[in-house]
All heavy atoms as atom14 arrays in JSON, in Angstrom:
{
  "sequence": "AALPPGLPTPPRTGAGGIPRVLSELMHRLGRYLDAP",
  "atom14_mask": [
    [1, 1, 1, 1, 1, 0, 0, 0, 0, 0, 0, 0, 0, 0],
    [1, 1, 1, 1, 1, 0, 0, 0, 0, 0, 0, 0, 0, 0],
    [1, 1, 1, 1, 1, 1, 1, 1, 0, 0, 0, 0, 0, 0],
    [1, 1, 1, 1, 1, 1, 1, 0, 0, 0, 0, 0, 0, 0],
    [1, 1, 1, 1, 1, 1, 1, 0, 0, 0, 0, 0, 0, 0],
    [1, 1, 1, 1, 0, 0, 0, 0, 0, 0, 0, 0, 0, 0],
    [1, 1, 1, 1, 1, 1, 1, 1, 0, 0, 0, 0, 0, 0],
    [1, 1, 1, 1, 1, 1, 1, 0, 0, 0, 0, 0, 0, 0],
    [1, 1, 1, 1, 1, 1, 1, 0, 0, 0, 0, 0, 0, 0],
    [1, 1, 1, 1, 1, 1, 1, 0, 0, 0, 0, 0, 0, 0],
    [1, 1, 1, 1, 1, 1, 1, 0, 0, 0, 0, 0, 0, 0],
    [1, 1, 1, 1, 1, 1, 1, 1, 1, 1, 1, 0, 0, 0],
    [1, 1, 1, 1, 1, 1, 1, 0, 0, 0, 0, 0, 0, 0],
    [1, 1, 1, 1, 0, 0, 0, 0, 0, 0, 0, 0, 0, 0],
    [1, 1, 1, 1, 1, 0, 0, 0, 0, 0, 0, 0, 0, 0],
    [1, 1, 1, 1, 0, 0, 0, 0, 0, 0, 0, 0, 0, 0],
    [1, 1, 1, 1, 0, 0, 0, 0, 0, 0, 0, 0, 0, 0],
    [1, 1, 1, 1, 1, 1, 1, 1, 0, 0, 0, 0, 0, 0],
    [1, 1, 1, 1, 1, 1, 1, 0, 0, 0, 0, 0, 0, 0],
    [1, 1, 1, 1, 1, 1, 1, 1, 1, 1, 1, 0, 0, 0],
    [1, 1, 1, 1, 1, 1, 1, 0, 0, 0, 0, 0, 0, 0],
    [1, 1, 1, 1, 1, 1, 1, 1, 0, 0, 0, 0, 0, 0],
    [1, 1, 1, 1, 1, 1, 0, 0, 0, 0, 0, 0, 0, 0],
    [1, 1, 1, 1, 1, 1, 1, 1, 1, 0, 0, 0, 0, 0],
    [1, 1, 1, 1, 1, 1, 1, 1, 0, 0, 0, 0, 0, 0],
    [1, 1, 1, 1, 1, 1, 1, 1, 0, 0, 0, 0, 0, 0],
    [1, 1, 1, 1, 1, 1, 1, 1, 1, 1, 0, 0, 0, 0],
    [1, 1, 1, 1, 1, 1, 1, 1, 1, 1, 1, 0, 0, 0],
    [1, 1, 1, 1, 1, 1, 1, 1, 0, 0, 0, 0, 0, 0],
    [1, 1, 1, 1, 0, 0, 0, 0, 0, 0, 0, 0, 0, 0],
    [1, 1, 1, 1, 1, 1, 1, 1, 1, 1, 1, 0, 0, 0],
    [1, 1, 1, 1, 1, 1, 1, 1, 1, 1, 1, 1, 0, 0],
    [1, 1, 1, 1, 1, 1, 1, 1, 0, 0, 0, 0, 0, 0],
    [1, 1, 1, 1, 1, 1, 1, 1, 0, 0, 0, 0, 0, 0],
    [1, 1, 1, 1, 1, 0, 0, 0, 0, 0, 0, 0, 0, 0],
    [1, 1, 1, 1, 1, 1, 1, 0, 0, 0, 0, 0, 0, 0]
  ],
  "atom14_positions": [
    [[4.14, -85.31, -181.83], [5.25, -84.52, -182.36], [5.07, -84.19, -183.75], [5.61, -83.22, -184.33], [6.53, -85.32, -182.2], [0.0, 0.0, 0.0], [0.0, 0.0, 0.0], [0.0, 0.0, 0.0], [0.0, 0.0, 0.0], [0.0, 0.0, 0.0], [0.0, 0.0, 0.0], [0.0, 0.0, 0.0], [0.0, 0.0, 0.0], [0.0, 0.0, 0.0]],
    [[4.21, -84.95, -184.52], [3.99, -84.71, -185.92], [3.01, -83.56, -186.22], [2.8, -83.2, -187.36], [3.5, -85.98, -186.65], [0.0, 0.0, 0.0], [0.0, 0.0, 0.0], [0.0, 0.0, 0.0], [0.0, 0.0, 0.0], [0.0, 0.0, 0.0], [0.0, 0.0, 0.0], [0.0, 0.0, 0.0], [0.0, 0.0, 0.0], [0.0, 0.0, 0.0]],
    [[2.36, -83.07, -185.19], [1.41, -81.96, -185.38], [2.1, -80.74, -185.93], [3.16, -80.29, -185.39], [0.71, -81.6, -184.06], [-0.14, -82.65, -183.42], [-0.68, -82.15, -182.08], [-1.31, -83.05, -184.31], [0.0, 0.0, 0.0], [0.0, 0.0, 0.0], [0.0, 0.0, 0.0], [0.0, 0.0, 0.0], [0.0, 0.0, 0.0], [0.0, 0.0, 0.0]],
    [[1.57, -80.21, -187.06], [2.22, -79.03, -187.6], [2.12, -77.79, -186.73], [1.16, -77.67, -185.94], [1.47, -78.82, -188.93], [0.15, -79.47, -188.7], [0.41, -80.65, -187.82], [0.0, 0.0, 0.0], [0.0, 0.0, 0.0], [0.0, 0.0, 0.0], [0.0, 0.0, 0.0], [0.0, 0.0, 0.0], [0.0, 0.0, 0.0], [0.0, 0.0, 0.0]],
    [[3.09, -76.94, -186.72], [3.0, -75.71, -185.87], [2.02, -74.76, -186.32], [1.62, -74.71, -187.52], [4.48, -75.17, -185.97], [4.91, -75.61, -187.34], [4.31, -76.97, -187.51], [0.0, 0.0, 0.0], [0.0, 0.0, 0.0], [0.0, 0.0, 0.0], [0.0, 0.0, 0.0], [0.0, 0.0, 0.0], [0.0, 0.0, 0.0], [0.0, 0.0, 0.0]],
    [[1.54, -73.89, -185.42], [0.65, -72.77, -185.8], [-0.82, -73.13, -185.83], [-1.63, -72.33, -186.25], [0.0, 0.0, 0.0], [0.0, 0.0, 0.0], [0.0, 0.0, 0.0], [0.0, 0.0, 0.0], [0.0, 0.0, 0.0], [0.0, 0.0, 0.0], [0.0, 0.0, 0.0], [0.0, 0.0, 0.0], [0.0, 0.0, 0.0], [0.0, 0.0, 0.0]],
    [[-1.22, -74.4, -185.43], [-2.63, -74.75, -185.46], [-3.31, -74.07, -184.34], [-2.79, -73.92, -183.22], [-2.77, -76.25, -185.34], [-2.3, -77.1, -186.49], [-2.43, -78.58, -186.2], [-3.11, -76.77, -187.73], [0.0, 0.0, 0.0], [0.0, 0.0, 0.0], [0.0, 0.0, 0.0], [0.0, 0.0, 0.0], [0.0, 0.0, 0.0], [0.0, 0.0, 0.0]],
    [[-4.58, -73.68, -184.52], [-5.34, -73.01, -183.44], [-5.62, -73.93, -182.33], [-5.91, -75.12, -182.49], [-6.65, -72.59, -184.16], [-6.76, -73.53, -185.31], [-5.35, -73.81, -185.75], [0.0, 0.0, 0.0], [0.0, 0.0, 0.0], [0.0, 0.0, 0.0], [0.0, 0.0, 0.0], [0.0, 0.0, 0.0], [0.0, 0.0, 0.0], [0.0, 0.0, 0.0]],
    [[-5.48, -73.44, -181.11], [-5.72, -74.23, -179.92], [-7.16, -74.0, -179.47], [-7.62, -72.93, -179.27], [-4.8, -73.82, -178.76], [-3.47, -73.98, -179.19], [-5.04, -74.67, -177.54], [0.0, 0.0, 0.0], [0.0, 0.0, 0.0], [0.0, 0.0, 0.0], [0.0, 0.0, 0.0], [0.0, 0.0, 0.0], [0.0, 0.0, 0.0], [0.0, 0.0, 0.0]],
    [[-7.96, -75.1, -179.34], [-9.34, -74.94, -178.93], [-9.47, -74.45, -177.52], [-8.7, -74.84, -176.66], [-9.93, -76.36, -179.13], [-8.72, -77.25, -178.91], [-7.59, -76.51, -179.5], [0.0, 0.0, 0.0], [0.0, 0.0, 0.0], [0.0, 0.0, 0.0], [0.0, 0.0, 0.0], [0.0, 0.0, 0.0], [0.0, 0.0, 0.0], [0.0, 0.0, 0.0]],
    [[-10.45, -73.6, -177.22], [-10.63, -73.09, -175.88], [-11.12, -74.18, -174.98], [-11.84, -75.13, -175.4], [-11.67, -71.99, -176.06], [-12.39, -72.37, -177.34], [-11.38, -73.04, -178.19], [0.0, 0.0, 0.0], [0.0, 0.0, 0.0], [0.0, 0.0, 0.0], [0.0, 0.0, 0.0], [0.0, 0.0, 0.0], [0.0, 0.0, 0.0], [0.0, 0.0, 0.0]],
    [[-10.87, -74.13, -173.67], [-11.31, -75.16, -172.75], [-12.52, -74.66, -171.9], [-13.2, -75.49, -171.31], [-10.16, -75.46, -171.74], [-8.97, -76.09, -172.38], [-9.29, -77.49, -172.87], [-9.74, -78.32, -171.76], [-8.91, -78.95, -170.89], [-7.58, -78.85, -171.04], [-9.38, -79.68, -169.94], [0.0, 0.0, 0.0], [0.0, 0.0, 0.0], [0.0, 0.0, 0.0]],
    [[-12.81, -73.41, -171.9], [-13.85, -72.89, -170.99], [-14.93, -72.12, -171.76], [-15.75, -71.45, -171.14], [-13.24, -71.95, -169.94], [-12.6, -70.87, -170.59], [-12.21, -72.7, -169.1], [0.0, 0.0, 0.0], [0.0, 0.0, 0.0], [0.0, 0.0, 0.0], [0.0, 0.0, 0.0], [0.0, 0.0, 0.0], [0.0, 0.0, 0.0], [0.0, 0.0, 0.0]],
    [[-15.0, -72.24, -173.05], [-16.02, -71.53, -173.79], [-15.76, -70.04, -173.93], [-16.67, -69.27, -174.03], [0.0, 0.0, 0.0], [0.0, 0.0, 0.0], [0.0, 0.0, 0.0], [0.0, 0.0, 0.0], [0.0, 0.0, 0.0], [0.0, 0.0, 0.0], [0.0, 0.0, 0.0], [0.0, 0.0, 0.0], [0.0, 0.0, 0.0], [0.0, 0.0, 0.0]],
    [[-14.49, -69.65, -173.85], [-14.2, -68.2, -173.92], [-14.56, -67.7, -175.29], [-14.6, -68.41, -176.28], [-12.69, -68.03, -173.64], [0.0, 0.0, 0.0], [0.0, 0.0, 0.0], [0.0, 0.0, 0.0], [0.0, 0.0, 0.0], [0.0, 0.0, 0.0], [0.0, 0.0, 0.0], [0.0, 0.0, 0.0], [0.0, 0.0, 0.0], [0.0, 0.0, 0.0]],
    [[-14.74, -66.4, -175.39], [-15.11, -65.75, -176.65], [-16.51, -66.01, -177.08], [-16.8, -65.83, -178.26], [0.0, 0.0, 0.0], [0.0, 0.0, 0.0], [0.0, 0.0, 0.0], [0.0, 0.0, 0.0], [0.0, 0.0, 0.0], [0.0, 0.0, 0.0], [0.0, 0.0, 0.0], [0.0, 0.0, 0.0], [0.0, 0.0, 0.0], [0.0, 0.0, 0.0]],
    [[-17.34, -66.37, -176.18], [-18.78, -66.61, -176.51], [-19.08, -67.91, -177.02], [-20.24, -68.21, -177.44], [0.0, 0.0, 0.0], [0.0, 0.0, 0.0], [0.0, 0.0, 0.0], [0.0, 0.0, 0.0], [0.0, 0.0, 0.0], [0.0, 0.0, 0.0], [0.0, 0.0, 0.0], [0.0, 0.0, 0.0], [0.0, 0.0, 0.0], [0.0, 0.0, 0.0]],
    [[-18.14, -68.87, -177.11], [-18.39, -70.21, -177.59], [-19.03, -71.05, -176.47], [-18.45, -71.1, -175.36], [-17.13, -70.89, -178.08], [-16.48, -70.06, -179.19], [-17.4, -72.3, -178.58], [-15.14, -70.64, -179.69], [0.0, 0.0, 0.0], [0.0, 0.0, 0.0], [0.0, 0.0, 0.0], [0.0, 0.0, 0.0], [0.0, 0.0, 0.0], [0.0, 0.0, 0.0]],
    [[-20.19, -71.62, -176.69], [-20.78, -72.46, -175.62], [-19.81, -73.53, -175.13], [-19.07, -74.12, -175.94], [-22.0, -73.07, -176.34], [-22.35, -72.11, -177.41], [-21.02, -71.56, -177.89], [0.0, 0.0, 0.0], [0.0, 0.0, 0.0], [0.0, 0.0, 0.0], [0.0, 0.0, 0.0], [0.0, 0.0, 0.0], [0.0, 0.0, 0.0], [0.0, 0.0, 0.0]],
    [[-19.83, -73.83, -173.87], [-18.87, -74.71, -173.26], [-18.96, -76.13, -173.89], [-17.94, -76.81, -173.94], [-19.06, -74.77, -171.77], [-18.55, -73.55, -171.04], [-18.46, -73.77, -169.55], [-17.54, -74.86, -169.26], [-17.56, -75.49, -168.1], [-18.38, -75.16, -167.15], [-16.66, -76.43, -167.85], [0.0, 0.0, 0.0], [0.0, 0.0, 0.0], [0.0, 0.0, 0.0]],
    [[-20.17, -76.56, -174.25], [-20.28, -77.9, -174.85], [-19.48, -77.97, -176.13], [-18.93, -79.03, -176.45], [-21.79, -78.29, -175.05], [-22.39, -77.38, -176.14], [-21.92, -79.74, -175.42], [0.0, 0.0, 0.0], [0.0, 0.0, 0.0], [0.0, 0.0, 0.0], [0.0, 0.0, 0.0], [0.0, 0.0, 0.0], [0.0, 0.0, 0.0], [0.0, 0.0, 0.0]],
    [[-19.41, -76.92, -176.87], [-18.62, -76.87, -178.13], [-17.13, -76.9, -177.82], [-16.37, -77.63, -178.46], [-19.02, -75.7, -178.97], [-20.47, -75.57, -179.43], [-20.65, -74.35, -180.35], [-20.9, -76.84, -180.09], [0.0, 0.0, 0.0], [0.0, 0.0, 0.0], [0.0, 0.0, 0.0], [0.0, 0.0, 0.0], [0.0, 0.0, 0.0], [0.0, 0.0, 0.0]],
    [[-16.74, -76.07, -176.86], [-15.28, -75.96, -176.57], [-14.82, -77.32, -175.97], [-13.73, -77.75, -176.16], [-14.98, -74.79, -175.62], [-15.69, -74.95, -174.38], [0.0, 0.0, 0.0], [0.0, 0.0, 0.0], [0.0, 0.0, 0.0], [0.0, 0.0, 0.0], [0.0, 0.0, 0.0], [0.0, 0.0, 0.0], [0.0, 0.0, 0.0], [0.0, 0.0, 0.0]],
    [[-15.73, -77.96, -175.18], [-15.34, -79.29, -174.63], [-15.19, -80.35, -175.71], [-14.22, -81.13, -175.65], [-16.42, -79.73, -173.64], [-16.13, -81.09, -172.98], [-14.84, -81.03, -172.12], [-14.44, -79.98, -171.7], [-14.25, -82.14, -171.95], [0.0, 0.0, 0.0], [0.0, 0.0, 0.0], [0.0, 0.0, 0.0], [0.0, 0.0, 0.0], [0.0, 0.0, 0.0]],
    [[-16.06, -80.36, -176.71], [-15.9, -81.29, -177.84], [-14.63, -80.99, -178.61], [-13.92, -81.9, -179.07], [-17.12, -81.24, -178.7], [-17.07, -82.2, -179.96], [-16.78, -83.64, -179.47], [-18.35, -82.12, -180.75], [0.0, 0.0, 0.0], [0.0, 0.0, 0.0], [0.0, 0.0, 0.0], [0.0, 0.0, 0.0], [0.0, 0.0, 0.0], [0.0, 0.0, 0.0]],
    [[-14.34, -79.69, -178.84], [-13.13, -79.31, -179.52], [-11.92, -79.9, -178.83], [-10.91, -80.34, -179.43], [-13.03, -77.83, -179.6], [-14.06, -77.18, -180.52], [-14.22, -75.41, -180.37], [-12.69, -74.82, -181.15], [0.0, 0.0, 0.0], [0.0, 0.0, 0.0], [0.0, 0.0, 0.0], [0.0, 0.0, 0.0], [0.0, 0.0, 0.0], [0.0, 0.0, 0.0]],
    [[-11.96, -79.91, -177.49], [-10.83, -80.46, -176.72], [-10.8, -82.02, -176.82], [-9.79, -82.61, -177.05], [-10.97, -80.04, -175.26], [-10.01, -80.75, -174.33], [-8.64, -80.57, -174.46], [-10.18, -81.63, -173.37], [-8.07, -81.28, -173.51], [-8.95, -81.93, -172.86], [0.0, 0.0, 0.0], [0.0, 0.0, 0.0], [0.0, 0.0, 0.0], [0.0, 0.0, 0.0]],
    [[-12.02, -82.62, -176.7], [-12.04, -84.07, -176.66], [-11.72, -84.7, -178.03], [-11.36, -85.9, -178.11], [-13.43, -84.57, -176.23], [-13.73, -84.27, -174.78], [-14.98, -84.92, -174.28], [-15.37, -84.51, -172.94], [-16.3, -85.07, -172.2], [-17.01, -86.12, -172.64], [-16.55, -84.63, -170.96], [0.0, 0.0, 0.0], [0.0, 0.0, 0.0], [0.0, 0.0, 0.0]],
    [[-11.85, -83.93, -179.08], [-11.48, -84.45, -180.41], [-10.06, -84.88, -180.45], [-9.69, -85.73, -181.31], [-11.77, -83.4, -181.5], [-13.23, -83.23, -181.95], [-13.37, -82.04, -182.85], [-13.73, -84.46, -182.64], [0.0, 0.0, 0.0], [0.0, 0.0, 0.0], [0.0, 0.0, 0.0], [0.0, 0.0, 0.0], [0.0, 0.0, 0.0], [0.0, 0.0, 0.0]],
    [[-9.23, -84.3, -179.62], [-7.8, -84.72, -179.58], [-7.6, -86.14, -179.22], [-6.62, -86.77, -179.48], [0.0, 0.0, 0.0], [0.0, 0.0, 0.0], [0.0, 0.0, 0.0], [0.0, 0.0, 0.0], [0.0, 0.0, 0.0], [0.0, 0.0, 0.0], [0.0, 0.0, 0.0], [0.0, 0.0, 0.0], [0.0, 0.0, 0.0], [0.0, 0.0, 0.0]],
    [[-8.64, -86.74, -178.53], [-8.53, -88.19, -178.19], [-8.5, -89.07, -179.41], [-7.95, -90.23, -179.35], [-9.71, -88.57, -177.3], [-9.79, -87.81, -175.94], [-11.01, -88.16, -175.21], [-11.15, -87.35, -173.98], [-12.17, -87.42, -173.12], [-13.13, -88.31, -173.35], [-12.19, -86.65, -172.04], [0.0, 0.0, 0.0], [0.0, 0.0, 0.0], [0.0, 0.0, 0.0]],
    [[-9.07, -88.61, -180.52], [-9.07, -89.36, -181.72], [-7.62, -89.6, -182.21], [-7.3, -90.65, -182.8], [-9.89, -88.69, -182.78], [-9.79, -89.33, -184.16], [-10.44, -90.55, -184.43], [-9.04, -88.73, -185.21], [-10.32, -91.12, -185.67], [-8.94, -89.33, -186.43], [-9.58, -90.55, -186.71], [-9.45, -91.16, -187.87], [0.0, 0.0, 0.0], [0.0, 0.0, 0.0]],
    [[-6.79, -88.62, -182.01], [-5.39, -88.73, -182.47], [-4.66, -89.81, -181.68], [-3.76, -90.43, -182.17], [-4.69, -87.4, -182.31], [-5.29, -86.24, -183.09], [-4.5, -84.91, -182.78], [-5.35, -86.48, -184.57], [0.0, 0.0, 0.0], [0.0, 0.0, 0.0], [0.0, 0.0, 0.0], [0.0, 0.0, 0.0], [0.0, 0.0, 0.0], [0.0, 0.0, 0.0]],
    [[-5.11, -90.07, -180.44], [-4.5, -91.1, -179.58], [-4.98, -92.49, -179.93], [-4.16, -93.43, -179.99], [-4.76, -90.78, -178.13], [-4.15, -89.48, -177.66], [-3.22, -88.99, -178.32], [-4.61, -88.9, -176.66], [0.0, 0.0, 0.0], [0.0, 0.0, 0.0], [0.0, 0.0, 0.0], [0.0, 0.0, 0.0], [0.0, 0.0, 0.0], [0.0, 0.0, 0.0]],
    [[-6.25, -92.63, -180.16], [-6.86, -93.96, -180.4], [-8.01, -93.81, -181.4], [-9.12, -93.75, -181.0], [-7.37, -94.52, -179.09], [0.0, 0.0, 0.0], [0.0, 0.0, 0.0], [0.0, 0.0, 0.0], [0.0, 0.0, 0.0], [0.0, 0.0, 0.0], [0.0, 0.0, 0.0], [0.0, 0.0, 0.0], [0.0, 0.0, 0.0], [0.0, 0.0, 0.0]],
    [[-7.69, -93.74, -182.69], [-8.7, -93.51, -183.73], [-9.84, -94.53, -183.71], [-10.99, -94.11, -183.73], [-7.91, -93.6, -185.06], [-6.53, -93.26, -184.67], [-6.3, -93.81, -183.29], [0.0, 0.0, 0.0], [0.0, 0.0, 0.0], [0.0, 0.0, 0.0], [0.0, 0.0, 0.0], [0.0, 0.0, 0.0], [0.0, 0.0, 0.0], [0.0, 0.0, 0.0]]
  ]
}
């Protein structure tokens, strides 16, 4: 709930030419917020 509004949402499927391994790590980084 403390996340500020307007932050960019990382892609889940590598859309926009981003390799999927990068978009997957962008997604998994959210786990750090749960259990640093």
